[in-house]
Amino acid sequence: MSKYLVLYRAEGALSGMSVAEMMANSTPEQMEAGMALWRAWYQKAGSAVIDLGAPLDKSTMVTGGAGAPSKTSITGYTLLQAASLEEALDLVKDHPHFHAPGSSVQILECVLMPGM
């Protein structure tokens, strides 16, 4: 089994708001509806979810050289365990993150470092 890092991206979906601001501006009903979708996905994925992760905010991307830091579109993460990339893809195909306009999911296989 391999580990996969799932990154949740929101290209323009937050309309300039931070994740914390979006959550603060949501009604209790909106928050509960969103969390119900996440709980259903989590139950369906079962033991494949190693770490449910968390929303991410105040992100900054730093590049080498003289480039100035810039905001990233990554708004959260989850760590999955799956037999293959195809299985990991299947686990996220109906993910609740896709309900947000402009959202996407990036899946990266974690590779063991030799000698570590």
Protein backbone atom coordinates (compact mmCIF):
# COMPACT_ATOMS: atom_id res chain seq x y z
CA MET A 1 0.00 0.00 0.00
CA SER A 2 1.20 3.49 -0.82
CA LYS A 3 0.44 6.80 0.84
CA TYR A 4 -1.08 9.64 -1.18
CA LEU A 5 -1.20 13.30 -0.26
CA VAL A 6 -4.45 14.85 -1.44
CA LEU A 7 -4.30 18.63 -1.83
CA TYR A 8 -7.54 20.56 -2.12
CA ARG A 9 -7.32 23.60 -4.39
CA ALA A 10 -9.75 26.47 -4.79
CA GLU A 11 -8.97 28.58 -7.85
CA GLY A 12 -11.13 31.66 -7.34
CA ALA A 13 -13.70 29.68 -5.37
CA LEU A 14 -13.13 31.79 -2.27
CA SER A 15 -13.48 35.10 -4.15
CA GLY A 16 -10.52 36.67 -2.33
CA MET A 17 -11.63 35.43 1.10
CA SER A 18 -9.41 33.34 3.31
CA VAL A 19 -10.61 29.90 4.36
CA ALA A 20 -11.17 31.25 7.89
CA GLU A 21 -13.26 34.15 6.52
CA MET A 22 -15.32 31.81 4.37
CA MET A 23 -16.05 29.61 7.38
CA ALA A 24 -16.87 32.63 9.56
CA ASN A 25 -19.28 33.97 6.92
CA SER A 26 -21.13 30.65 6.56
CA THR A 27 -24.42 30.15 8.36
CA PRO A 28 -24.67 27.29 10.86
CA GLU A 29 -26.90 25.50 8.34
CA GLN A 30 -24.31 25.89 5.57
CA MET A 31 -21.55 24.65 7.88
CA GLU A 32 -23.60 21.61 8.94
CA ALA A 33 -24.52 20.76 5.34
CA GLY A 34 -20.86 20.96 4.31
CA MET A 35 -19.70 18.88 7.25
CA ALA A 36 -22.39 16.26 6.56
CA LEU A 37 -20.93 15.81 3.06
CA TRP A 38 -17.42 15.44 4.51
CA ARG A 39 -18.59 12.93 7.14
CA ALA A 40 -20.34 10.85 4.43
CA TRP A 41 -17.18 10.86 2.29
CA TYR A 42 -15.01 9.95 5.29
CA GLN A 43 -17.26 7.00 6.20
CA LYS A 44 -17.27 5.80 2.58
CA ALA A 45 -13.46 6.01 2.31
CA GLY A 46 -13.08 4.16 5.61
CA SER A 47 -9.63 2.93 6.59
CA ALA A 48 -8.08 4.41 3.43
CA VAL A 49 -8.04 7.74 5.26
CA ILE A 50 -4.82 7.81 7.30
CA ASP A 51 -5.20 11.47 8.26
CA LEU A 52 -8.39 13.39 7.46
CA GLY A 53 -6.26 16.52 7.39
CA ALA A 54 -7.50 20.04 7.88
CA PRO A 55 -8.36 23.24 6.08
CA LEU A 56 -5.30 25.34 5.32
CA ASP A 57 -5.12 29.11 5.34
CA LYS A 58 -2.65 31.95 4.95
CA SER A 59 -0.67 29.93 2.43
CA THR A 60 2.48 31.25 0.84
CA MET A 61 4.56 29.83 -1.97
CA VAL A 62 8.25 30.70 -1.84
CA THR A 63 10.49 30.04 -4.83
CA GLY A 64 14.25 30.03 -5.00
CA GLY A 65 16.01 33.14 -6.20
CA ALA A 66 14.64 36.66 -6.11
CA GLY A 67 10.96 35.78 -6.53
CA ALA A 68 8.59 37.29 -4.00
CA PRO A 69 6.33 34.97 -1.97
CA SER A 70 2.86 34.50 -3.42
CA LYS A 71 -0.44 33.04 -2.23
CA THR A 72 -1.22 29.46 -3.23
CA SER A 73 -4.59 27.97 -4.09
CA ILE A 74 -4.17 25.05 -1.67
CA THR A 75 -6.95 25.15 0.92
CA GLY A 76 -6.64 21.77 2.64
CA TYR A 77 -5.16 18.30 2.65
CA THR A 78 -5.89 14.64 3.42
CA LEU A 79 -3.52 11.67 3.61
CA LEU A 80 -4.82 8.45 2.04
CA GLN A 81 -3.55 4.90 1.78
CA ALA A 82 -4.30 3.01 -1.42
CA ALA A 83 -2.96 0.14 -3.49
CA SER A 84 -2.53 2.35 -6.56
CA LEU A 85 -3.00 5.85 -7.90
CA GLU A 86 -6.13 4.62 -9.66
CA GLU A 87 -7.56 3.48 -6.32
CA ALA A 88 -6.71 6.85 -4.75
CA LEU A 89 -8.43 8.59 -7.67
CA ASP A 90 -11.50 6.44 -7.15
CA LEU A 91 -11.59 7.43 -3.47
CA VAL A 92 -11.84 11.14 -4.33
CA LYS A 93 -14.00 11.05 -7.47
CA ASP A 94 -17.17 12.10 -5.58
CA HIS A 95 -15.40 14.22 -2.98
CA PRO A 96 -17.42 17.05 -1.36
CA HIS A 97 -14.65 19.54 -2.20
CA PHE A 98 -15.90 19.48 -5.79
CA HIS A 99 -19.09 21.29 -4.70
CA ALA A 100 -17.17 24.58 -4.60
CA PRO A 101 -16.87 26.42 -7.93
CA GLY A 102 -13.34 26.37 -9.35
CA SER A 103 -12.23 23.60 -7.02
CA SER A 104 -9.84 20.78 -7.87
CA VAL A 105 -7.95 18.01 -6.12
CA GLN A 106 -4.30 17.16 -6.64
CA ILE A 107 -3.08 13.69 -5.64
CA LEU A 108 0.61 13.04 -5.03
CA GLU A 109 2.14 9.66 -4.20
CA CYS A 110 4.45 9.77 -1.20
CA VAL A 111 7.73 8.04 -2.05
CA LEU A 112 9.88 6.50 0.67
CA MET A 113 13.30 8.08 0.93
CA PRO A 114 16.14 5.55 0.78
CA GLY A 115 18.04 5.24 4.02
CA MET A 116 15.42 6.98 6.13
